[in-house]
């Protein structure tokens, strides 16, 4: 099975982005008084404690190789809302820390890629660009996708925490019944419909225009 250079770049960027996403949850929880992630040794840049063999390696690698939509995740950082000062409110910020981190990394990588591209020798094709520009742009795309995808209000994605926070209390029992099936809904949306692509593609196009035009 052949792995070209761009596939390796996508895969590497995805693993880094997913791990930083998870670390940010733990850092945010710590700032609200929950030391669970710190005590579990999860506030580290060492990738090994964060890697989920299936979600961090097998599934994204299959997607990158076959061209199918890519789903990826790291081991969830342990969070204990009971140790937070204001659990229901603080948990929303902890959940949103992941997408916020990805979107911040996207902006930094996109600006870096744009500056580098403006100072590079003009080329006709993307694969003729210097390696550094392709890595920066790929990292920007991966973080954009990861940040926006996780904002969808479907469990277990981070956006569901915000939806749960604003739901009327009378709706919560039905919401709790739905939560275990959220992952199934995600798989159906990603692999059986084009809804997710239709949502994400305009953002990718805007990112491409920002960097290269």
Foldseek 3Di string as FASTA:
>chain_A
DDDDPLLVLLLVLLLQLQLVLQLQLQVLLVVQQWCQLVVVVSNDSPSVVFADCCQNPVQQSVCSVVVADGGHHTPHRDHDLVRGPHRLVSLLVSLLSSLVVLQVLLVVLLVVLQVVQVPDDDDDDPVPDDPSSSSSNSSNLSSLLLSVVLLPCFPPRSVVSVVQSPDPPVCVVVVVVCRVCRVVVVCCPRHVHCVSVVVCVVVSVVSCVSRND
